[in-house]
Amino acid sequence: MIEIEKIRVRDVMSSPVVTIDGNATVKEAAEIMMKTGYRGLVVEKVDEEDAYGIITVKDIVYKVIAKGMPLEKVKVLEVMTKPCIVVPDYYDIKYAARLMAMANIVRLPVISPDNKIVGMITLRDIIKPFV
């Protein structure tokens, strides 16, 4: 039997992470998502003191398309979630799963001990070791 407490976030996360500049358009974000197959992109920090953001397919649909806004005119920084919730790479996946459940999200950017984005973990990543 697999012991969930022994599986670290870094063991199941996807890497490298695809990032986007906050000044990019939502259309550019959607094109990157289509090209990579990722449903969420980490929005780059402006400087070291800044926080990471995230833009997801859900953000694009609910905050842009549903409101009839033009994808090519809306900036990522206008609809992204910031700061985004992150998880350290050395935490166990049980912690990541709890965090996702409490925040009602399905993906978390993963950070290294020096606070750099090193991966992304999704609910699917957490389930894979058990199936």
Protein backbone atom coordinates (compact mmCIF):
# COMPACT_ATOMS: atom_id res chain seq x y z
CA MET A 1 0.00 0.00 0.00
CA ILE A 2 1.23 3.48 -0.87
CA GLU A 3 1.77 5.76 2.12
CA ILE A 4 0.39 9.15 1.13
CA GLU A 5 2.54 11.01 3.68
CA LYS A 6 5.70 9.78 1.91
CA ILE A 7 4.78 11.17 -1.51
CA ARG A 8 6.08 14.70 -1.93
CA VAL A 9 4.58 17.35 -4.19
CA ARG A 10 7.84 17.40 -6.22
CA ASP A 11 7.39 13.67 -6.95
CA VAL A 12 4.13 14.15 -8.89
CA MET A 13 4.11 17.78 -10.09
CA SER A 14 4.38 18.81 -13.73
CA SER A 15 7.46 20.75 -14.71
CA PRO A 16 8.51 23.08 -16.25
CA VAL A 17 5.77 25.62 -15.60
CA VAL A 18 4.44 27.78 -18.40
CA THR A 19 4.33 31.43 -17.34
CA ILE A 20 2.91 34.57 -18.87
CA ASP A 21 3.48 38.28 -18.36
CA GLY A 22 0.58 40.14 -16.74
CA ASN A 23 0.57 42.65 -19.60
CA ALA A 24 -0.10 39.94 -22.19
CA THR A 25 -3.63 39.75 -23.57
CA VAL A 26 -6.13 37.10 -22.56
CA LYS A 27 -6.10 35.97 -26.20
CA GLU A 28 -2.36 35.28 -25.91
CA ALA A 29 -2.98 33.34 -22.69
CA ALA A 30 -5.70 31.26 -24.37
CA GLU A 31 -3.41 30.54 -27.33
CA ILE A 32 -0.65 29.34 -24.99
CA MET A 33 -3.15 27.13 -23.14
CA MET A 34 -4.35 25.62 -26.43
CA LYS A 35 -0.77 25.02 -27.61
CA THR A 36 0.47 23.45 -24.35
CA GLY A 37 -2.71 21.75 -23.15
CA TYR A 38 -2.37 23.45 -19.75
CA ARG A 39 -5.54 24.89 -18.19
CA GLY A 40 -3.70 27.40 -16.03
CA LEU A 41 -0.68 29.66 -16.43
CA VAL A 42 1.41 31.25 -13.71
CA VAL A 43 1.58 35.02 -14.06
CA GLU A 44 5.14 36.23 -13.59
CA LYS A 45 6.15 38.46 -10.71
CA VAL A 46 6.90 42.10 -11.50
CA ASP A 47 9.79 42.05 -8.99
CA GLU A 48 11.11 39.92 -6.11
CA GLU A 49 8.73 41.52 -3.61
CA ASP A 50 5.70 40.81 -5.80
CA ALA A 51 3.45 37.73 -5.57
CA TYR A 52 2.74 35.20 -8.30
CA GLY A 53 -0.63 35.25 -10.00
CA ILE A 54 -2.53 32.62 -11.98
CA ILE A 55 -4.91 32.73 -14.93
CA THR A 56 -7.08 29.74 -15.71
CA VAL A 57 -9.54 28.67 -18.36
CA LYS A 58 -12.28 29.36 -15.81
CA ASP A 59 -11.06 32.98 -15.44
CA ILE A 60 -11.16 33.45 -19.21
CA VAL A 61 -14.66 31.97 -19.57
CA TYR A 62 -16.29 33.61 -16.54
CA LYS A 63 -14.52 36.96 -16.43
CA VAL A 64 -14.06 37.68 -20.15
CA ILE A 65 -16.11 35.57 -22.57
CA ALA A 66 -19.30 35.48 -20.46
CA LYS A 67 -19.19 39.27 -20.20
CA GLY A 68 -18.70 39.71 -23.94
CA MET A 69 -15.30 41.32 -23.54
CA PRO A 70 -12.82 41.10 -26.44
CA LEU A 71 -10.03 38.60 -25.69
CA GLU A 72 -7.49 40.66 -27.60
CA LYS A 73 -8.11 43.82 -25.54
CA VAL A 74 -8.26 42.45 -21.99
CA LYS A 75 -4.93 42.11 -20.17
CA VAL A 76 -4.11 39.04 -18.10
CA LEU A 77 -3.54 41.26 -15.05
CA GLU A 78 -7.17 42.42 -15.23
CA VAL A 79 -8.65 38.94 -14.74
CA MET A 80 -5.98 36.83 -13.03
CA THR A 81 -6.09 35.69 -9.42
CA LYS A 82 -3.36 37.31 -7.37
CA PRO A 83 -1.81 36.39 -5.10
CA CYS A 84 -2.29 32.76 -5.98
CA ILE A 85 -2.07 29.98 -3.46
CA VAL A 86 1.17 28.03 -3.78
CA VAL A 87 2.57 24.90 -2.17
CA PRO A 88 6.22 24.13 -1.31
CA ASP A 89 7.72 21.24 -3.29
CA TYR A 90 8.76 19.32 -0.16
CA TYR A 91 5.23 19.14 1.34
CA ASP A 92 3.34 15.85 1.07
CA ILE A 93 0.49 15.49 -1.42
CA LYS A 94 -2.04 15.03 1.39
CA TYR A 95 -1.36 18.64 2.43
CA ALA A 96 -1.71 19.80 -1.20
CA ALA A 97 -5.02 17.93 -1.54
CA ARG A 98 -6.38 19.50 1.65
CA LEU A 99 -5.30 22.95 0.51
CA MET A 100 -7.04 22.47 -2.83
CA ALA A 101 -10.21 21.24 -1.13
CA MET A 102 -10.28 24.14 1.35
CA ALA A 103 -9.69 26.73 -1.39
CA ASN A 104 -11.98 24.98 -3.93
CA ILE A 105 -9.26 24.86 -6.59
CA VAL A 106 -7.83 22.08 -8.77
CA ARG A 107 -4.25 23.27 -9.36
CA LEU A 108 -1.45 24.77 -7.32
CA PRO A 109 1.81 26.32 -8.47
CA VAL A 110 4.72 24.65 -6.68
CA ILE A 111 7.57 26.67 -5.18
CA SER A 112 11.11 25.70 -4.21
CA PRO A 113 12.63 26.59 -0.82
CA ASP A 114 13.97 29.80 -2.40
CA ASN A 115 10.41 30.81 -3.45
CA LYS A 116 10.81 30.16 -7.19
CA ILE A 117 8.07 28.48 -9.23
CA VAL A 118 9.28 24.96 -10.10
CA GLY A 119 6.11 23.12 -11.06
CA MET A 120 2.36 22.77 -11.00
CA ILE A 121 0.34 20.11 -9.19
CA THR A 122 -3.25 19.22 -10.02
CA LEU A 123 -5.83 16.90 -8.50
CA ARG A 124 -5.08 14.49 -11.33
CA ASP A 125 -1.40 14.44 -10.31
CA ILE A 126 -2.39 13.58 -6.73
CA ILE A 127 -4.65 10.71 -7.81
CA LYS A 128 -2.20 9.08 -10.28
CA PRO A 129 -0.08 7.18 -7.70
CA PHE A 130 -3.21 5.39 -6.47
CA VAL A 131 -4.64 4.13 -9.75
